Amino acid sequence: MRLTALVLAAGFLCPASGFAQEQFPAFVSGNKLLEACTPVQLPFCYGYVEGVADALQSTFSALHMQQHALFCLPQGTTSRQLVDIAINHLRDHPEQRHYVASADVALALANAFPCPQ
């Protein structure tokens, strides 16, 4: 099931990442997100990471596929935790930072909060 969720999420994110980089350079890359996660631009960072988390959760809910969700946030998870996880993933994987940041955030959250099997 988790593999299905990862494949589905990759389908949502990967075509956008390649297209965005070639056609729309204004899309946020992992490099830009990491730069934005500084004290000066922290509200953008929080908004972006929370937006990705909300969008992915609502997509799986709207498709009635909660059992195939990419990640399962535990009750009480804070925005700060989400941002910390995203930042750590971006720092730990510099080879992926040129891709669209939403894919990096999704992967970080999937690794940090796997859904029960």
PDB file of N, CA and C in Angstrom:
ATOM      1  N   MET A   1       0.810  -1.190   0.000  1.00  0.00           N
ATOM      2  CA  MET A   1       0.000   0.000   0.000  1.00  0.00           C
ATOM      3  C   MET A   1       0.860   1.264   0.000  1.00  0.00           C
ATOM      4  N   ARG A   2       1.885   1.244   0.811  1.00  0.00           N
ATOM      5  CA  ARG A   2       2.760   2.419   0.892  1.00  0.00           C
ATOM      6  C   ARG A   2       3.433   2.669  -0.452  1.00  0.00           C
ATOM      7  N   LEU A   3       3.791   1.601  -1.140  1.00  0.00           N
ATOM      8  CA  LEU A   3       4.404   1.753  -2.449  1.00  0.00           C
ATOM      9  C   LEU A   3       3.426   2.401  -3.420  1.00  0.00           C
ATOM     10  N   THR A   4       2.167   1.992  -3.361  1.00  0.00           N
ATOM     11  CA  THR A   4       1.148   2.596  -4.212  1.00  0.00           C
ATOM     12  C   THR A   4       1.028   4.085  -3.940  1.00  0.00           C
ATOM     13  N   ALA A   5       1.049   4.459  -2.672  1.00  0.00           N
ATOM     14  CA  ALA A   5       0.951   5.870  -2.304  1.00  0.00           C
ATOM     15  C   ALA A   5       2.150   6.656  -2.815  1.00  0.00           C
ATOM     16  N   LEU A   6       3.343   6.080  -2.696  1.00  0.00           N
ATOM     17  CA  LEU A   6       4.545   6.764  -3.179  1.00  0.00           C
ATOM     18  C   LEU A   6       4.513   6.940  -4.693  1.00  0.00           C
ATOM     19  N   VAL A   7       4.049   5.913  -5.395  1.00  0.00           N
ATOM     20  CA  VAL A   7       3.961   5.996  -6.851  1.00  0.00           C
ATOM     21  C   VAL A   7       2.938   7.044  -7.258  1.00  0.00           C
ATOM     22  N   LEU A   8       1.788   7.057  -6.584  1.00  0.00           N
ATOM     23  CA  LEU A   8       0.760   8.039  -6.876  1.00  0.00           C
ATOM     24  C   LEU A   8       1.262   9.457  -6.606  1.00  0.00           C
ATOM     25  N   ALA A   9       1.913   9.656  -5.485  1.00  0.00           N
ATOM     26  CA  ALA A   9       2.449  10.980  -5.160  1.00  0.00           C
ATOM     27  C   ALA A   9       3.522  11.394  -6.161  1.00  0.00           C
ATOM     28  N   ALA A  10       4.356  10.452  -6.543  1.00  0.00           N
ATOM     29  CA  ALA A  10       5.386  10.763  -7.537  1.00  0.00           C
ATOM     30  C   ALA A  10       4.740  11.169  -8.853  1.00  0.00           C
ATOM     31  N   GLY A  11       3.642  10.528  -9.180  1.00  0.00           N
ATOM     32  CA  GLY A  11       2.913  10.893 -10.388  1.00  0.00           C
ATOM     33  C   GLY A  11       2.383  12.307 -10.330  1.00  0.00           C
ATOM     34  N   PHE A  12       1.943  12.726  -9.141  1.00  0.00           N
ATOM     35  CA  PHE A  12       1.471  14.099  -8.975  1.00  0.00           C
ATOM     36  C   PHE A  12       2.623  15.093  -9.034  1.00  0.00           C
ATOM     37  N   LEU A  13       3.758  14.739  -8.450  1.00  0.00           N
ATOM     38  CA  LEU A  13       4.838  15.693  -8.261  1.00  0.00           C
ATOM     39  C   LEU A  13       5.889  15.689  -9.364  1.00  0.00           C
ATOM     40  N   CYS A  14       6.254  14.538  -9.876  1.00  0.00           N
ATOM     41  CA  CYS A  14       7.360  14.469 -10.829  1.00  0.00           C
ATOM     42  C   CYS A  14       7.087  15.174 -12.150  1.00  0.00           C
ATOM     43  N   PRO A  15       5.923  14.963 -12.787  1.00  0.00           N
ATOM     44  CA  PRO A  15       5.706  15.700 -14.030  1.00  0.00           C
ATOM     45  C   PRO A  15       5.762  17.209 -13.807  1.00  0.00           C
ATOM     46  N   ALA A  16       5.257  17.639 -12.693  1.00  0.00           N
ATOM     47  CA  ALA A  16       5.285  19.072 -12.389  1.00  0.00           C
ATOM     48  C   ALA A  16       6.710  19.556 -12.196  1.00  0.00           C
ATOM     49  N   SER A  17       7.546  18.717 -11.593  1.00  0.00           N
ATOM     50  CA  SER A  17       8.908  19.177 -11.326  1.00  0.00           C
ATOM     51  C   SER A  17       9.694  19.390 -12.611  1.00  0.00           C
ATOM     52  N   GLY A  18       9.636  18.462 -13.531  1.00  0.00           N
ATOM     53  CA  GLY A  18      10.360  18.632 -14.781  1.00  0.00           C
ATOM     54  C   GLY A  18       9.801  19.776 -15.609  1.00  0.00           C
ATOM     55  N   PHE A  19       8.494  19.859 -15.707  1.00  0.00           N
ATOM     56  CA  PHE A  19       7.842  20.918 -16.469  1.00  0.00           C
ATOM     57  C   PHE A  19       8.117  22.273 -15.837  1.00  0.00           C
ATOM     58  N   ALA A  20       8.030  22.323 -14.526  1.00  0.00           N
ATOM     59  CA  ALA A  20       8.225  23.593 -13.825  1.00  0.00           C
ATOM     60  C   ALA A  20       9.627  24.131 -14.033  1.00  0.00           C
ATOM     61  N   GLN A  21      10.605  23.270 -13.989  1.00  0.00           N
ATOM     62  CA  GLN A  21      11.979  23.747 -14.126  1.00  0.00           C
ATOM     63  C   GLN A  21      12.271  24.229 -15.534  1.00  0.00           C
ATOM     64  N   GLU A  22      11.654  23.610 -16.528  1.00  0.00           N
ATOM     65  CA  GLU A  22      11.925  24.009 -17.904  1.00  0.00           C
ATOM     66  C   GLU A  22      11.094  25.212 -18.319  1.00  0.00           C
ATOM     67  N   GLN A  23       9.840  25.258 -17.897  1.00  0.00           N
ATOM     68  CA  GLN A  23       8.930  26.277 -18.374  1.00  0.00           C
ATOM     69  C   GLN A  23       8.710  27.423 -17.389  1.00  0.00           C
ATOM     70  N   PHE A  24       8.737  27.117 -16.116  1.00  0.00           N
ATOM     71  CA  PHE A  24       8.410  28.108 -15.101  1.00  0.00           C
ATOM     72  C   PHE A  24       9.480  28.143 -14.014  1.00  0.00           C
ATOM     73  N   PRO A  25      10.583  28.824 -14.246  1.00  0.00           N
ATOM     74  CA  PRO A  25      11.671  28.819 -13.270  1.00  0.00           C
ATOM     75  C   PRO A  25      11.293  29.473 -11.945  1.00  0.00           C
ATOM     76  N   ALA A  26      10.137  30.130 -11.869  1.00  0.00           N
ATOM     77  CA  ALA A  26       9.733  30.770 -10.626  1.00  0.00           C
ATOM     78  C   ALA A  26       9.234  29.757  -9.599  1.00  0.00           C
ATOM     79  N   PHE A  27       8.963  28.512 -10.014  1.00  0.00           N
ATOM     80  CA  PHE A  27       8.547  27.508  -9.055  1.00  0.00           C
ATOM     81  C   PHE A  27       9.660  27.336  -8.027  1.00  0.00           C
ATOM     82  N   VAL A  28       9.299  26.912  -6.856  1.00  0.00           N
ATOM     83  CA  VAL A  28      10.247  26.815  -5.751  1.00  0.00           C
ATOM     84  C   VAL A  28      11.019  25.504  -5.830  1.00  0.00           C
ATOM     85  N   SER A  29      12.326  25.611  -5.932  1.00  0.00           N
ATOM     86  CA  SER A  29      13.187  24.428  -5.890  1.00  0.00           C
ATOM     87  C   SER A  29      13.550  24.161  -4.430  1.00  0.00           C
ATOM     88  N   GLY A  30      14.140  22.997  -4.208  1.00  0.00           N
ATOM     89  CA  GLY A  30      14.631  22.698  -2.869  1.00  0.00           C
ATOM     90  C   GLY A  30      15.672  23.699  -2.415  1.00  0.00           C
ATOM     91  N   ASN A  31      16.504  24.159  -3.335  1.00  0.00           N
ATOM     92  CA  ASN A  31      17.502  25.182  -2.996  1.00  0.00           C
ATOM     93  C   ASN A  31      16.828  26.467  -2.521  1.00  0.00           C
ATOM     94  N   LYS A  32      15.802  26.899  -3.244  1.00  0.00           N
ATOM     95  CA  LYS A  32      15.105  28.130  -2.860  1.00  0.00           C
ATOM     96  C   LYS A  32      14.376  27.968  -1.531  1.00  0.00           C
ATOM     97  N   LEU A  33      13.787  26.788  -1.316  1.00  0.00           N
ATOM     98  CA  LEU A  33      13.092  26.572  -0.051  1.00  0.00           C
ATOM     99  C   LEU A  33      14.068  26.594   1.117  1.00  0.00           C
ATOM    100  N   LEU A  34      15.211  25.948   0.955  1.00  0.00           N
ATOM    101  CA  LEU A  34      16.203  25.943   2.029  1.00  0.00           C
ATOM    102  C   LEU A  34      16.671  27.366   2.327  1.00  0.00           C
ATOM    103  N   GLU A  35      16.882  28.171   1.294  1.00  0.00           N
ATOM    104  CA  GLU A  35      17.245  29.573   1.504  1.00  0.00           C
ATOM    105  C   GLU A  35      16.131  30.336   2.222  1.00  0.00           C
ATOM    106  N   ALA A  36      14.882  29.999   1.898  1.00  0.00           N
ATOM    107  CA  ALA A  36      13.736  30.693   2.498  1.00  0.00           C
ATOM    108  C   ALA A  36      13.515  30.294   3.954  1.00  0.00           C
ATOM    109  N   CYS A  37      14.092  29.191   4.361  1.00  0.00           N
ATOM    110  CA  CYS A  37      13.903  28.738   5.741  1.00  0.00           C
ATOM    111  C   CYS A  37      14.943  29.364   6.664  1.00  0.00           C
ATOM    112  N   THR A  38      15.143  30.644   6.479  1.00  0.00           N
ATOM    113  CA  THR A  38      16.004  31.450   7.342  1.00  0.00           C
ATOM    114  C   THR A  38      15.091  32.356   8.160  1.00  0.00           C
ATOM    115  N   PRO A  39      15.573  32.913   9.245  1.00  0.00           N
ATOM    116  CA  PRO A  39      14.698  33.767  10.066  1.00  0.00           C
ATOM    117  C   PRO A  39      14.027  34.906   9.291  1.00  0.00           C
ATOM    118  N   VAL A  40      14.696  35.440   8.284  1.00  0.00           N
ATOM    119  CA  VAL A  40      14.127  36.563   7.533  1.00  0.00           C
ATOM    120  C   VAL A  40      12.894  36.140   6.747  1.00  0.00           C
ATOM    121  N   GLN A  41      12.921  34.951   6.158  1.00  0.00           N
ATOM    122  CA  GLN A  41      11.833  34.490   5.299  1.00  0.00           C
ATOM    123  C   GLN A  41      11.056  33.324   5.912  1.00  0.00           C
ATOM    124  N   LEU A  42      11.141  33.142   7.195  1.00  0.00           N
ATOM    125  CA  LEU A  42      10.529  31.988   7.844  1.00  0.00           C
ATOM    126  C   LEU A  42       9.028  31.854   7.602  1.00  0.00           C
ATOM    127  N   PRO A  43       8.241  32.928   7.546  1.00  0.00           N
ATOM    128  CA  PRO A  43       6.806  32.743   7.267  1.00  0.00           C
ATOM    129  C   PRO A  43       6.550  32.054   5.922  1.00  0.00           C
ATOM    130  N   PHE A  44       7.344  32.385   4.899  1.00  0.00           N
ATOM    131  CA  PHE A  44       7.196  31.706   3.609  1.00  0.00           C
ATOM    132  C   PHE A  44       7.499  30.220   3.766  1.00  0.00           C
ATOM    133  N   CYS A  45       8.551  29.902   4.477  1.00  0.00           N
ATOM    134  CA  CYS A  45       8.966  28.515   4.689  1.00  0.00           C
ATOM    135  C   CYS A  45       7.844  27.712   5.347  1.00  0.00           C
ATOM    136  N   TYR A  46       7.296  28.239   6.432  1.00  0.00           N
ATOM    137  CA  TYR A  46       6.201  27.557   7.129  1.00  0.00           C
ATOM    138  C   TYR A  46       4.998  27.383   6.203  1.00  0.00           C
ATOM    139  N   GLY A  47       4.651  28.448   5.509  1.00  0.00           N
ATOM    140  CA  GLY A  47       3.498  28.387   4.623  1.00  0.00           C
ATOM    141  C   GLY A  47       3.661  27.365   3.518  1.00  0.00           C
ATOM    142  N   TYR A  48       4.855  27.296   2.959  1.00  0.00           N
ATOM    143  CA  TYR A  48       5.105  26.353   1.877  1.00  0.00           C
ATOM    144  C   TYR A  48       5.013  24.913   2.372  1.00  0.00           C
ATOM    145  N   VAL A  49       5.713  24.610   3.455  1.00  0.00           N
ATOM    146  CA  VAL A  49       5.727  23.236   3.976  1.00  0.00           C
ATOM    147  C   VAL A  49       4.323  22.826   4.427  1.00  0.00           C
ATOM    148  N   GLU A  50       3.631  23.698   5.138  1.00  0.00           N
ATOM    149  CA  GLU A  50       2.266  23.384   5.568  1.00  0.00           C
ATOM    150  C   GLU A  50       1.344  23.202   4.362  1.00  0.00           C
ATOM    151  N   GLY A  51       1.538  24.029   3.342  1.00  0.00           N
ATOM    152  CA  GLY A  51       0.713  23.920   2.135  1.00  0.00           C
ATOM    153  C   GLY A  51       0.904  22.596   1.424  1.00  0.00           C
ATOM    154  N   VAL A  52       2.143  22.136   1.318  1.00  0.00           N
ATOM    155  CA  VAL A  52       2.402  20.847   0.688  1.00  0.00           C
ATOM    156  C   VAL A  52       1.753  19.729   1.511  1.00  0.00           C
ATOM    157  N   ALA A  53       1.936  19.768   2.819  1.00  0.00           N
ATOM    158  CA  ALA A  53       1.350  18.733   3.677  1.00  0.00           C
ATOM    159  C   ALA A  53      -0.172  18.723   3.551  1.00  0.00           C
ATOM    160  N   ASP A  54      -0.787  19.892   3.610  1.00  0.00           N
ATOM    161  CA  ASP A  54      -2.249  19.982   3.496  1.00  0.00           C
ATOM    162  C   ASP A  54      -2.730  19.511   2.129  1.00  0.00           C
ATOM    163  N   ALA A  55      -2.037  19.933   1.075  1.00  0.00           N
ATOM    164  CA  ALA A  55      -2.458  19.562  -0.272  1.00  0.00           C
ATOM    165  C   ALA A  55      -2.410  18.055  -0.482  1.00  0.00           C
ATOM    166  N   LEU A  56      -1.341  17.426  -0.022  1.00  0.00           N
ATOM    167  CA  LEU A  56      -1.235  15.978  -0.199  1.00  0.00           C
ATOM    168  C   LEU A  56      -2.264  15.238   0.645  1.00  0.00           C
ATOM    169  N   GLN A  57      -2.465  15.683   1.873  1.00  0.00           N
ATOM    170  CA  GLN A  57      -3.461  15.019   2.718  1.00  0.00           C
ATOM    171  C   GLN A  57      -4.860  15.185   2.143  1.00  0.00           C
ATOM    172  N   SER A  58      -5.193  16.372   1.680  1.00  0.00           N
ATOM    173  CA  SER A  58      -6.537  16.592   1.153  1.00  0.00           C
ATOM    174  C   SER A  58      -6.734  15.874  -0.180  1.00  0.00           C
ATOM    175  N   THR A  59      -5.687  15.724  -0.976  1.00  0.00           N
ATOM    176  CA  THR A  59      -5.801  14.991  -2.239  1.00  0.00           C
ATOM    177  C   THR A  59      -6.167  13.545  -1.985  1.00  0.00           C
ATOM    178  N   PHE A  60      -5.477  12.900  -1.059  1.00  0.00           N
ATOM    179  CA  PHE A  60      -5.792  11.501  -0.769  1.00  0.00           C
ATOM    180  C   PHE A  60      -7.171  11.372  -0.129  1.00  0.00           C
ATOM    181  N   SER A  61      -7.572  12.346   0.687  1.00  0.00           N
ATOM    182  CA  SER A  61      -8.905  12.319   1.288  1.00  0.00           C
ATOM    183  C   SER A  61      -9.972  12.503   0.225  1.00  0.00           C
ATOM    184  N   ALA A  62      -9.765  13.452  -0.678  1.00  0.00           N
ATOM    185  CA  ALA A  62     -10.745  13.714  -1.728  1.00  0.00           C
ATOM    186  C   ALA A  62     -10.908  12.509  -2.647  1.00  0.00           C
ATOM    187  N   LEU A  63      -9.844  11.772  -2.846  1.00  0.00           N
ATOM    188  CA  LEU A  63      -9.903  10.580  -3.689  1.00  0.00           C
ATOM    189  C   LEU A  63     -10.356   9.353  -2.903  1.00  0.00           C
ATOM    190  N   HIS A  64     -10.699   9.554  -1.625  1.00  0.00           N
ATOM    191  CA  HIS A  64     -11.115   8.459  -0.724  1.00  0.00           C
ATOM    192  C   HIS A  64     -10.066   7.357  -0.689  1.00  0.00           C
ATOM    193  N   MET A  65      -8.809   7.778  -0.584  1.00  0.00           N
ATOM    194  CA  MET A  65      -7.697   6.839  -0.579  1.00  0.00           C
ATOM    195  C   MET A  65      -6.844   7.021   0.670  1.00  0.00           C
ATOM    196  N   GLN A  66      -7.477   7.300   1.812  1.00  0.00           N
ATOM    197  CA  GLN A  66      -6.707   7.510   3.029  1.00  0.00           C
ATOM    198  C   GLN A  66      -5.822   6.312   3.348  1.00  0.00           C
ATOM    199  N   GLN A  67      -6.271   5.113   2.981  1.00  0.00           N
ATOM    200  CA  GLN A  67      -5.469   3.918   3.265  1.00  0.00           C
ATOM    201  C   GLN A  67      -4.213   3.866   2.408  1.00  0.00           C
ATOM    202  N   HIS A  68      -4.127   4.714   1.379  1.00  0.00           N
ATOM    203  CA  HIS A  68      -2.944   4.761   0.525  1.00  0.00           C
ATOM    204  C   HIS A  68      -2.178   6.075   0.698  1.00  0.00           C
ATOM    205  N   ALA A  69      -2.456   6.779   1.763  1.00  0.00           N
ATOM    206  CA  ALA A  69      -1.839   8.089   1.980  1.00  0.00           C
ATOM    207  C   ALA A  69      -0.321   7.981   1.987  1.00  0.00           C
ATOM    208  N   LEU A  70       0.299   9.027   1.537  1.00  0.00           N
ATOM    209  CA  LEU A  70       1.758   9.074   1.460  1.00  0.00           C
ATOM    210  C   LEU A  70       2.391   9.134   2.842  1.00  0.00           C
ATOM    211  N   PHE A  71       1.746   9.846   3.757  1.00  0.00           N
ATOM    212  CA  PHE A  71       2.235   9.940   5.134  1.00  0.00           C
ATOM    213  C   PHE A  71       1.030  10.111   6.047  1.00  0.00           C
ATOM    214  N   CYS A  72       1.230   9.795   7.319  1.00  0.00           N
ATOM    215  CA  CYS A  72       0.164   9.901   8.322  1.00  0.00           C
ATOM    216  C   CYS A  72       0.698  10.722   9.496  1.00  0.00           C
ATOM    217  N   LEU A  73       0.237  11.961   9.582  1.00  0.00           N
ATOM    218  CA  LEU A  73       0.706  12.830  10.656  1.00  0.00           C
ATOM    219  C   LEU A  73       0.040  12.424  11.971  1.00  0.00           C
ATOM    220  N   PRO A  74       0.822  12.190  12.996  1.00  0.00           N
ATOM    221  CA  PRO A  74       0.246  11.870  14.298  1.00  0.00           C
ATOM    222  C   PRO A  74      -0.480  13.082  14.882  1.00  0.00           C
ATOM    223  N   GLN A  75      -1.464  12.818  15.698  1.00  0.00           N
ATOM    224  CA  GLN A  75      -2.173  13.892  16.403  1.00  0.00           C
ATOM    225  C   GLN A  75      -1.158  14.708  17.193  1.00  0.00           C
ATOM    226  N   GLY A  76      -1.261  16.013  17.103  1.00  0.00           N
ATOM    227  CA  GLY A  76      -0.368  16.886  17.853  1.00  0.00           C
ATOM    228  C   GLY A  76       0.900  17.281  17.125  1.00  0.00           C
ATOM    229  N   THR A  77       1.068  16.832  15.886  1.00  0.00           N
ATOM    230  CA  THR A  77       2.240  17.235  15.114  1.00  0.00           C
ATOM    231  C   THR A  77       2.192  18.744  14.893  1.00  0.00           C
ATOM    232  N   THR A  78       3.305  19.407  15.111  1.00  0.00           N
ATOM    233  CA  THR A  78       3.330  20.867  14.986  1.00  0.00           C
ATOM    234  C   THR A  78       3.923  21.301  13.647  1.00  0.00           C
ATOM    235  N   SER A  79       3.623  22.521  13.301  1.00  0.00           N
ATOM    236  CA  SER A  79       4.207  23.108  12.087  1.00  0.00           C
ATOM    237  C   SER A  79       5.721  23.131  12.184  1.00  0.00           C
ATOM    238  N   ARG A  80       6.229  23.412  13.361  1.00  0.00           N
ATOM    239  CA  ARG A  80       7.684  23.457  13.557  1.00  0.00           C
ATOM    240  C   ARG A  80       8.307  22.105  13.242  1.00  0.00           C
ATOM    241  N   GLN A  81       7.649  21.019  13.654  1.00  0.00           N
ATOM    242  CA  GLN A  81       8.166  19.692  13.352  1.00  0.00           C
ATOM    243  C   GLN A  81       8.231  19.473  11.840  1.00  0.00           C
ATOM    244  N   LEU A  82       7.169  19.850  11.141  1.00  0.00           N
ATOM    245  CA  LEU A  82       7.130  19.669   9.694  1.00  0.00           C
ATOM    246  C   LEU A  82       8.276  20.425   9.021  1.00  0.00           C
ATOM    247  N   VAL A  83       8.472  21.668   9.447  1.00  0.00           N
ATOM    248  CA  VAL A  83       9.540  22.486   8.872  1.00  0.00           C
ATOM    249  C   VAL A  83      10.908  21.897   9.208  1.00  0.00           C
ATOM    250  N   ASP A  84      11.106  21.486  10.454  1.00  0.00           N
ATOM    251  CA  ASP A  84      12.392  20.872  10.830  1.00  0.00           C
ATOM    252  C   ASP A  84      12.690  19.645   9.982  1.00  0.00           C
ATOM    253  N   ILE A  85      11.686  18.809   9.773  1.00  0.00           N
ATOM    254  CA  ILE A  85      11.862  17.593   8.974  1.00  0.00           C
ATOM    255  C   ILE A  85      12.218  17.953   7.533  1.00  0.00           C
ATOM    256  N   ALA A  86      11.520  18.931   6.985  1.00  0.00           N
ATOM    257  CA  ALA A  86      11.800  19.356   5.607  1.00  0.00           C
ATOM    258  C   ALA A  86      13.207  19.939   5.477  1.00  0.00           C
ATOM    259  N   ILE A  87      13.588  20.796   6.412  1.00  0.00           N
ATOM    260  CA  ILE A  87      14.919  21.402   6.377  1.00  0.00           C
ATOM    261  C   ILE A  87      16.003  20.331   6.495  1.00  0.00           C
ATOM    262  N   ASN A  88      15.825  19.418   7.436  1.00  0.00           N
ATOM    263  CA  ASN A  88      16.823  18.356   7.604  1.00  0.00           C
ATOM    264  C   ASN A  88      16.957  17.519   6.339  1.00  0.00           C
ATOM    265  N   HIS A  89      15.833  17.221   5.703  1.00  0.00           N
ATOM    266  CA  HIS A  89      15.885  16.436   4.463  1.00  0.00           C
ATOM    267  C   HIS A  89      16.640  17.205   3.378  1.00  0.00           C
ATOM    268  N   LEU A  90      16.353  18.489   3.239  1.00  0.00           N
ATOM    269  CA  LEU A  90      17.039  19.294   2.224  1.00  0.00           C
ATOM    270  C   LEU A  90      18.537  19.385   2.491  1.00  0.00           C
ATOM    271  N   ARG A  91      18.914  19.515   3.758  1.00  0.00           N
ATOM    272  CA  ARG A  91      20.346  19.573   4.103  1.00  0.00           C
ATOM    273  C   ARG A  91      21.034  18.235   3.877  1.00  0.00           C
ATOM    274  N   ASP A  92      20.307  17.139   4.176  1.00  0.00           N
ATOM    275  CA  ASP A  92      20.890  15.804   4.051  1.00  0.00           C
ATOM    276  C   ASP A  92      20.962  15.309   2.605  1.00  0.00           C
ATOM    277  N   HIS A  93      20.209  15.939   1.700  1.00  0.00           N
ATOM    278  CA  HIS A  93      20.150  15.474   0.313  1.00  0.00           C
ATOM    279  C   HIS A  93      20.372  16.622  -0.671  1.00  0.00           C
ATOM    280  N   PRO A  94      21.575  17.199  -0.675  1.00  0.00           N
ATOM    281  CA  PRO A  94      21.839  18.315  -1.585  1.00  0.00           C
ATOM    282  C   PRO A  94      21.717  17.917  -3.059  1.00  0.00           C
ATOM    283  N   GLU A  95      21.870  16.643  -3.358  1.00  0.00           N
ATOM    284  CA  GLU A  95      21.773  16.183  -4.745  1.00  0.00           C
ATOM    285  C   GLU A  95      20.349  16.262  -5.282  1.00  0.00           C
ATOM    286  N   GLN A  96      19.361  16.450  -4.409  1.00  0.00           N
ATOM    287  CA  GLN A  96      17.960  16.520  -4.829  1.00  0.00           C
ATOM    288  C   GLN A  96      17.398  17.943  -4.810  1.00  0.00           C
ATOM    289  N   ARG A  97      18.161  18.897  -4.319  1.00  0.00           N
ATOM    290  CA  ARG A  97      17.621  20.235  -4.088  1.00  0.00           C
ATOM    291  C   ARG A  97      17.303  21.028  -5.353  1.00  0.00           C
ATOM    292  N   HIS A  98      17.775  20.602  -6.496  1.00  0.00           N
ATOM    293  CA  HIS A  98      17.440  21.325  -7.724  1.00  0.00           C
ATOM    294  C   HIS A  98      16.055  20.953  -8.242  1.00  0.00           C
ATOM    295  N   TYR A  99      15.431  19.924  -7.670  1.00  0.00           N
ATOM    296  CA  TYR A  99      14.067  19.542  -8.040  1.00  0.00           C
ATOM    297  C   TYR A  99      13.065  20.461  -7.357  1.00  0.00           C
ATOM    298  N   VAL A 100      11.816  20.367  -7.784  1.00  0.00           N
ATOM    299  CA  VAL A 100      10.762  21.169  -7.176  1.00  0.00           C
ATOM    300  C   VAL A 100      10.651  20.785  -5.688  1.00  0.00           C
ATOM    301  N   ALA A 101      10.539  21.778  -4.839  1.00  0.00           N
ATOM    302  CA  ALA A 101      10.604  21.564  -3.392  1.00  0.00           C
ATOM    303  C   ALA A 101       9.452  20.722  -2.854  1.00  0.00           C
ATOM    304  N   SER A 102       8.300  20.759  -3.489  1.00  0.00           N
ATOM    305  CA  SER A 102       7.170  19.982  -2.977  1.00  0.00           C
ATOM    306  C   SER A 102       7.490  18.488  -2.963  1.00  0.00           C
ATOM    307  N   ALA A 103       8.266  18.008  -3.931  1.00  0.00           N
ATOM    308  CA  ALA A 103       8.658  16.599  -3.941  1.00  0.00           C
ATOM    309  C   ALA A 103       9.582  16.288  -2.772  1.00  0.00           C
ATOM    310  N   ASP A 104      10.504  17.200  -2.468  1.00  0.00           N
ATOM    311  CA  ASP A 104      11.399  17.002  -1.325  1.00  0.00           C
ATOM    312  C   ASP A 104      10.615  16.974  -0.013  1.00  0.00           C
ATOM    313  N   VAL A 105       9.670  17.888   0.128  1.00  0.00           N
ATOM    314  CA  VAL A 105       8.858  17.943   1.352  1.00  0.00           C
ATOM    315  C   VAL A 105       8.030  16.669   1.485  1.00  0.00           C
ATOM    316  N   ALA A 106       7.415  16.232   0.402  1.00  0.00           N
ATOM    317  CA  ALA A 106       6.600  15.013   0.440  1.00  0.00           C
ATOM    318  C   ALA A 106       7.433  13.801   0.838  1.00  0.00           C
ATOM    319  N   LEU A 107       8.603  13.685   0.265  1.00  0.00           N
ATOM    320  CA  LEU A 107       9.476  12.552   0.594  1.00  0.00           C
ATOM    321  C   LEU A 107       9.931  12.610   2.046  1.00  0.00           C
ATOM    322  N   ALA A 108      10.270  13.801   2.516  1.00  0.00           N
ATOM    323  CA  ALA A 108      10.697  13.952   3.909  1.00  0.00           C
ATOM    324  C   ALA A 108       9.583  13.542   4.868  1.00  0.00           C
ATOM    325  N   LEU A 109       8.365  13.978   4.583  1.00  0.00           N
ATOM    326  CA  LEU A 109       7.248  13.639   5.468  1.00  0.00           C
ATOM    327  C   LEU A 109       6.896  12.156   5.386  1.00  0.00           C
ATOM    328  N   ALA A 110       6.999  11.580   4.201  1.00  0.00           N
ATOM    329  CA  ALA A 110       6.731  10.148   4.048  1.00  0.00           C
ATOM    330  C   ALA A 110       7.728   9.311   4.841  1.00  0.00           C
ATOM    331  N   ASN A 111       8.981   9.738   4.856  1.00  0.00           N
ATOM    332  CA  ASN A 111      10.000   9.005   5.619  1.00  0.00           C
ATOM    333  C   ASN A 111       9.828   9.193   7.122  1.00  0.00           C
ATOM    334  N   ALA A 112       9.411  10.397   7.531  1.00  0.00           N
ATOM    335  CA  ALA A 112       9.276  10.693   8.955  1.00  0.00           C
ATOM    336  C   ALA A 112       7.991  10.139   9.561  1.00  0.00           C
ATOM    337  N   PHE A 113       6.934  10.100   8.772  1.00  0.00           N
ATOM    338  CA  PHE A 113       5.618   9.709   9.294  1.00  0.00           C
ATOM    339  C   PHE A 113       4.968   8.645   8.415  1.00  0.00           C
ATOM    340  N   PRO A 114       5.562   7.458   8.365  1.00  0.00           N
ATOM    341  CA  PRO A 114       4.946   6.404   7.533  1.00  0.00           C
ATOM    342  C   PRO A 114       3.598   6.001   8.120  1.00  0.00           C
ATOM    343  N   CYS A 115       2.689   5.625   7.241  1.00  0.00           N
ATOM    344  CA  CYS A 115       1.376   5.176   7.684  1.00  0.00           C
ATOM    345  C   CYS A 115       1.470   3.727   8.150  1.00  0.00           C
ATOM    346  N   PRO A 116       0.634   3.354   9.119  1.00  0.00           N
ATOM    347  CA  PRO A 116       0.634   1.951   9.558  1.00  0.00           C
ATOM    348  C   PRO A 116       0.194   1.045   8.417  1.00  0.00           C
ATOM    349  N   GLN A 117       0.778  -0.106   8.365  1.00  0.00           N
ATOM    350  CA  GLN A 117       0.453  -1.064   7.292  1.00  0.00           C
ATOM    351  C   GLN A 117      -0.838  -1.768   7.537  1.00  0.00           C
TER     352      GLN A 117
END
